[in-house]
Amino acid sequence: MANHPNTNRFTRLLPGDTDKTFIGGVPFTAATPQSAVEQTLNLVRSRPSGGTDIHLLNVYSVALATKDPQFARCVQNAAINLPDGKPVAAVSLLFGNRLKQVRGPAFFEDVISAGRHDNIRHFLLGSTPDTLSALEQSLLKKYPGALIVGTLSPPFRDLTDTERTEQDATIRNTGADIVWVGLGTPKQDYETRRLAEAGFTAAAVGAAFDFSAGRKLMAPKIIQTLGLEWLHRLISEPKRLWRRYLWGNTTFVLLILRKLARR
C-alpha cells in the first residue's frame, strides 16, 4: 500500500467535512475514539492516491493557533483535527456541539492493534533512538503481529532539503501505510502537514511515543475522567511544562470567555 508523493489532493478521514466545530479558529471533526480508529483504517484500506494529515490537538494547540499565524494555517488547512484534550471536547458543549475526546496515546495504540487484521504497515518518526527502540519492543509485545516497518529519529534541528528528501525516501521504501509523528507541538504538526503534501498518510500524536514506550506514566483513570491529565503531566515535568501550561491554559480560558461574552 504505497503512498504517492507530489500531489496536492488530500483524502479526508471522516465524513461530514462541512460539519466542523470551530474552537479558537481551529476546525475539529467530531468522532468517537472507536469511529476515529475505524475510519483511519478505512482510509488506509482505500489506498488513497493523495496525502492525509491527522492532528491530535489540545488546549495548548488551540491557544497557539490564536497567537501564531503559521501554526494557525497549518491546523486550519489540515485534513482532520481531533480533540486530544478533554477540555477542548468539554467546551464544545457550551456552543451546541458535542465533541468527544480522542486521546492521542489510545488512538495510536488502538490503530496499531486493530490494523493487524489487514497487515497495516506503520512507521515511527520522532523522539530519540532509545525511546524508539523501547517503543517498538513495547508495541510488538502488546500487539503481536503488528507491522512496525521502520523507525527514524531525526536531528533536533531543521532538516536540510537533502536530509528531508532522504527521510521521505526511507519512509517510502518501507511501504508504510501510515507515518506516526512524535516530535512535540508545533514541530510535529508542521512535519505531518508536510508529509501529507508529499503524499503520505501521517498522524501527529504528541507524547504518545513516550507513554507507549513506558518512558512517561499515564495519568490514573480518575484524572483522565476529570480532564486533568494536563495537571498530572505538569506535576510530572514541572520545569519543562509550567510555562506552556500557564500560558496555554490562560489563553484558552480567556478565549472561551470572550466567545461566551459575544453570544
Protein backbone atom coordinates (compact mmCIF):
# COMPACT_ATOMS: atom_id res chain seq x y z
CA MET A 1 0.00 0.00 0.00
CA ALA A 2 2.45 2.59 -1.11
CA ASN A 3 1.66 6.27 -0.92
CA HIS A 4 2.22 8.50 -3.93
CA PRO A 5 4.18 11.71 -3.49
CA ASN A 6 3.97 15.09 -5.17
CA THR A 7 0.22 15.56 -5.09
CA ASN A 8 -1.89 18.25 -3.50
CA ARG A 9 -5.08 16.18 -3.39
CA PHE A 10 -5.91 15.36 0.20
CA THR A 11 -8.07 12.48 1.37
CA ARG A 12 -10.49 13.27 4.16
CA LEU A 13 -10.56 10.91 7.12
CA LEU A 14 -14.08 11.31 8.43
CA PRO A 15 -17.43 12.07 6.80
CA GLY A 16 -19.09 15.46 7.09
CA ASP A 17 -16.24 17.78 6.09
CA THR A 18 -18.57 20.76 6.28
CA ASP A 19 -19.75 19.80 9.76
CA LYS A 20 -16.87 21.21 11.74
CA THR A 21 -16.74 22.55 15.27
CA PHE A 22 -14.53 25.64 15.41
CA ILE A 23 -12.75 26.39 18.68
CA GLY A 24 -10.36 29.32 18.57
CA GLY A 25 -10.49 29.22 14.79
CA VAL A 26 -9.39 25.57 14.73
CA PRO A 27 -11.79 23.22 12.90
CA PHE A 28 -12.36 19.98 14.78
CA THR A 29 -14.03 16.89 13.32
CA ALA A 30 -16.42 15.06 15.59
CA ALA A 31 -15.68 11.39 16.14
CA THR A 32 -15.75 8.87 18.92
CA PRO A 33 -12.47 7.14 19.82
CA GLN A 34 -13.81 4.00 18.15
CA SER A 35 -15.01 5.67 14.95
CA ALA A 36 -11.75 7.61 14.60
CA VAL A 37 -9.83 4.33 14.66
CA GLU A 38 -12.14 2.57 12.23
CA GLN A 39 -12.26 5.47 9.80
CA THR A 40 -8.46 5.73 9.89
CA LEU A 41 -8.21 2.06 8.95
CA ASN A 42 -10.84 2.50 6.23
CA LEU A 43 -8.78 5.34 4.85
CA VAL A 44 -5.66 3.18 4.69
CA ARG A 45 -7.57 0.25 3.19
CA SER A 46 -8.86 2.51 0.42
CA ARG A 47 -5.28 3.14 -0.77
CA PRO A 48 -5.67 6.88 -1.32
CA SER A 49 -3.58 8.49 -4.04
CA GLY A 50 -3.22 11.72 -2.05
CA GLY A 51 -1.82 12.51 1.36
CA THR A 52 -3.76 12.98 4.58
CA ASP A 53 -2.71 14.67 7.81
CA ILE A 54 -4.34 13.82 11.12
CA HIS A 55 -3.66 16.03 14.15
CA LEU A 56 -4.45 15.33 17.80
CA LEU A 57 -4.82 18.80 19.32
CA ASN A 58 -5.21 20.00 22.89
CA VAL A 59 -5.71 23.28 24.77
CA TYR A 60 -2.14 24.40 24.10
CA SER A 61 -2.60 23.76 20.37
CA VAL A 62 -5.74 25.91 20.27
CA ALA A 63 -4.03 28.68 22.24
CA LEU A 64 -1.01 28.56 19.94
CA ALA A 65 -3.23 28.85 16.88
CA THR A 66 -4.60 32.16 18.21
CA LYS A 67 -1.11 33.65 18.51
CA ASP A 68 0.94 32.03 15.75
CA PRO A 69 -0.37 32.63 12.20
CA GLN A 70 1.86 29.94 10.71
CA PHE A 71 0.59 27.28 13.12
CA ALA A 72 -2.98 28.50 12.60
CA ARG A 73 -2.66 27.98 8.84
CA CYS A 74 -1.20 24.52 9.43
CA VAL A 75 -4.10 23.21 11.50
CA GLN A 76 -6.80 25.17 9.66
CA ASN A 77 -5.75 23.50 6.40
CA ALA A 78 -5.34 20.06 7.96
CA ALA A 79 -7.48 17.20 6.72
CA ILE A 80 -8.51 16.17 10.23
CA ASN A 81 -8.13 17.65 13.71
CA LEU A 82 -9.27 15.53 16.64
CA PRO A 83 -9.67 16.85 20.21
CA ASP A 84 -6.91 15.17 22.19
CA GLY A 85 -7.57 17.26 25.30
CA LYS A 86 -10.76 16.66 27.25
CA PRO A 87 -11.18 20.41 27.99
CA VAL A 88 -11.40 21.04 24.22
CA ALA A 89 -14.19 18.48 23.92
CA ALA A 90 -15.92 19.78 27.04
CA VAL A 91 -16.10 23.43 25.98
CA SER A 92 -17.74 22.41 22.70
CA LEU A 93 -20.88 21.75 24.75
CA LEU A 94 -21.08 25.47 25.52
CA PHE A 95 -21.63 26.19 21.84
CA GLY A 96 -24.12 23.48 21.00
CA ASN A 97 -21.65 20.84 19.80
CA ARG A 98 -20.62 17.57 21.33
CA LEU A 99 -17.04 16.70 20.55
CA LYS A 100 -15.69 13.51 22.03
CA GLN A 101 -12.13 13.34 23.32
CA VAL A 102 -9.85 11.17 21.19
CA ARG A 103 -6.75 10.64 23.31
CA GLY A 104 -3.56 10.52 21.25
CA PRO A 105 -1.87 7.61 23.08
CA ALA A 106 -5.01 5.45 22.97
CA PHE A 107 -5.74 6.32 19.34
CA PHE A 108 -2.16 5.45 18.39
CA GLU A 109 -2.21 2.04 20.05
CA ASP A 110 -5.78 1.21 19.02
CA VAL A 111 -4.99 1.80 15.33
CA ILE A 112 -1.88 -0.37 15.62
CA SER A 113 -3.83 -3.12 17.39
CA ALA A 114 -6.81 -3.11 15.04
CA GLY A 115 -4.58 -2.74 11.97
CA ARG A 116 -3.09 -6.18 12.49
CA HIS A 117 -6.10 -7.74 10.77
CA ASP A 118 -5.20 -6.01 7.50
CA ASN A 119 -1.41 -6.05 7.90
CA ILE A 120 -1.27 -2.27 8.14
CA ARG A 121 2.35 -1.09 8.00
CA HIS A 122 3.46 1.56 10.50
CA PHE A 123 6.45 3.91 10.51
CA LEU A 124 7.53 5.72 13.69
CA LEU A 125 9.12 9.15 13.21
CA GLY A 126 10.45 11.21 16.10
CA SER A 127 11.85 11.05 19.64
CA THR A 128 15.25 9.50 20.43
CA PRO A 129 16.73 6.21 19.21
CA ASP A 130 16.45 4.74 22.73
CA THR A 131 12.79 5.70 23.04
CA LEU A 132 12.01 4.37 19.56
CA SER A 133 13.68 1.07 20.40
CA ALA A 134 11.71 0.77 23.64
CA LEU A 135 8.54 1.82 21.82
CA GLU A 136 8.89 -0.78 19.10
CA GLN A 137 9.58 -3.52 21.64
CA SER A 138 6.60 -2.46 23.74
CA LEU A 139 4.21 -2.36 20.79
CA LEU A 140 5.29 -5.76 19.48
CA LYS A 141 4.93 -7.27 22.94
CA LYS A 142 1.44 -5.83 23.46
CA TYR A 143 0.27 -6.36 19.88
CA PRO A 144 1.92 -9.47 18.43
CA GLY A 145 1.85 -9.42 14.67
CA ALA A 146 1.83 -5.64 14.38
CA LEU A 147 3.95 -4.48 11.46
CA ILE A 148 6.41 -1.77 12.50
CA VAL A 149 8.27 -1.41 9.22
CA GLY A 150 10.62 1.39 10.20
CA THR A 151 11.68 3.94 12.78
CA LEU A 152 13.65 7.16 12.46
CA SER A 153 14.90 9.69 14.99
CA PRO A 154 15.58 12.90 13.07
CA PRO A 155 18.04 15.53 14.32
CA PHE A 156 16.75 18.06 16.85
CA ARG A 157 17.03 20.84 14.28
CA ASP A 158 15.53 21.76 10.95
CA LEU A 159 16.45 19.27 8.25
CA THR A 160 18.21 20.36 5.11
CA ASP A 161 16.42 19.80 1.82
CA THR A 162 18.71 16.85 1.12
CA GLU A 163 18.03 15.28 4.53
CA ARG A 164 14.30 15.73 4.06
CA THR A 165 14.39 14.07 0.66
CA GLU A 166 16.40 11.17 2.09
CA GLN A 167 14.00 10.83 5.00
CA ASP A 168 10.98 10.67 2.71
CA ALA A 169 12.70 8.11 0.51
CA THR A 170 13.48 5.97 3.56
CA ILE A 171 9.83 6.04 4.65
CA ARG A 172 8.54 5.39 1.14
CA ASN A 173 10.86 2.42 0.66
CA THR A 174 9.38 0.67 3.70
CA GLY A 175 5.93 0.68 2.10
CA ALA A 176 4.48 2.28 5.25
CA ASP A 177 0.73 2.81 5.21
CA ILE A 178 0.78 5.39 7.99
CA VAL A 179 3.55 7.53 9.49
CA TRP A 180 3.21 8.29 13.19
CA VAL A 181 4.93 11.57 14.11
CA GLY A 182 6.03 12.34 17.66
CA LEU A 183 8.12 15.50 17.58
CA GLY A 184 6.30 17.79 20.01
CA THR A 185 3.98 20.69 19.24
CA PRO A 186 4.20 22.54 16.87
CA LYS A 187 7.06 20.79 15.08
CA GLN A 188 5.17 17.54 14.69
CA ASP A 189 2.18 19.31 13.16
CA TYR A 190 4.32 21.07 10.56
CA GLU A 191 6.03 17.80 9.71
CA THR A 192 2.76 15.88 9.50
CA ARG A 193 1.35 18.51 7.16
CA ARG A 194 4.49 18.40 5.02
CA LEU A 195 4.34 14.61 4.82
CA ALA A 196 0.72 14.81 3.66
CA GLU A 197 1.78 17.23 0.93
CA ALA A 198 4.37 14.64 -0.11
CA GLY A 199 1.63 12.00 -0.46
CA PHE A 200 1.86 10.18 2.87
CA THR A 201 -0.83 9.41 5.41
CA ALA A 202 0.58 10.83 8.64
CA ALA A 203 -0.66 11.47 12.18
CA ALA A 204 0.78 13.80 14.81
CA VAL A 205 0.24 12.09 18.16
CA GLY A 206 2.05 14.23 20.71
CA ALA A 207 3.60 12.38 23.64
CA ALA A 208 2.12 9.01 22.62
CA PHE A 209 5.58 7.62 21.88
CA ASP A 210 6.81 8.32 25.41
CA PHE A 211 3.70 6.86 27.04
CA SER A 212 3.60 3.72 24.90
CA ALA A 213 7.35 3.20 25.38
CA GLY A 214 6.90 3.40 29.15
CA ARG A 215 9.10 6.48 29.39
CA LYS A 216 6.27 8.52 30.91
CA LEU A 217 3.48 7.36 33.20
CA MET A 218 -0.14 7.68 32.15
CA ALA A 219 -2.44 9.65 34.41
CA PRO A 220 -4.75 7.49 36.57
CA LYS A 221 -8.18 6.85 35.08
CA ILE A 222 -9.91 9.18 37.54
CA ILE A 223 -7.60 12.00 36.48
CA GLN A 224 -8.37 11.28 32.82
CA THR A 225 -12.11 11.26 33.53
CA LEU A 226 -11.90 14.63 35.28
CA GLY A 227 -9.99 16.12 32.35
CA LEU A 228 -6.93 16.83 34.49
CA GLU A 229 -4.26 14.96 32.54
CA TRP A 230 -2.54 18.29 31.94
CA LEU A 231 -2.16 18.69 35.71
CA HIS A 232 -0.72 15.19 36.02
CA ARG A 233 1.84 15.99 33.31
CA LEU A 234 2.65 19.34 34.90
CA ILE A 235 3.36 17.69 38.25
CA SER A 236 5.47 15.05 36.47
CA GLU A 237 7.53 17.59 34.47
CA PRO A 238 7.15 20.99 36.15
CA LYS A 239 10.37 22.58 34.89
CA ARG A 240 9.64 21.74 31.26
CA LEU A 241 5.91 22.35 31.18
CA TRP A 242 4.95 25.07 33.65
CA ARG A 243 5.33 27.96 31.18
CA ARG A 244 3.47 26.07 28.47
CA TYR A 245 0.51 25.23 30.70
CA LEU A 246 0.37 28.62 32.41
CA TRP A 247 0.28 30.46 29.10
CA GLY A 248 -1.75 27.88 27.17
CA ASN A 249 -4.45 27.33 29.77
CA THR A 250 -4.81 31.05 30.50
CA THR A 251 -5.04 31.91 26.81
CA PHE A 252 -7.60 29.16 26.22
CA VAL A 253 -9.81 30.22 29.14
CA LEU A 254 -9.76 33.87 28.04
CA LEU A 255 -10.59 32.78 24.50
CA ILE A 256 -13.67 30.89 25.67
CA LEU A 257 -14.79 33.70 27.98
CA ARG A 258 -14.56 36.22 25.14
CA LYS A 259 -16.54 33.94 22.86
CA LEU A 260 -19.25 33.48 25.51
CA ALA A 261 -19.40 37.24 26.09
CA ARG A 262 -20.12 37.81 22.38
CA ARG A 263 -23.10 35.46 22.34
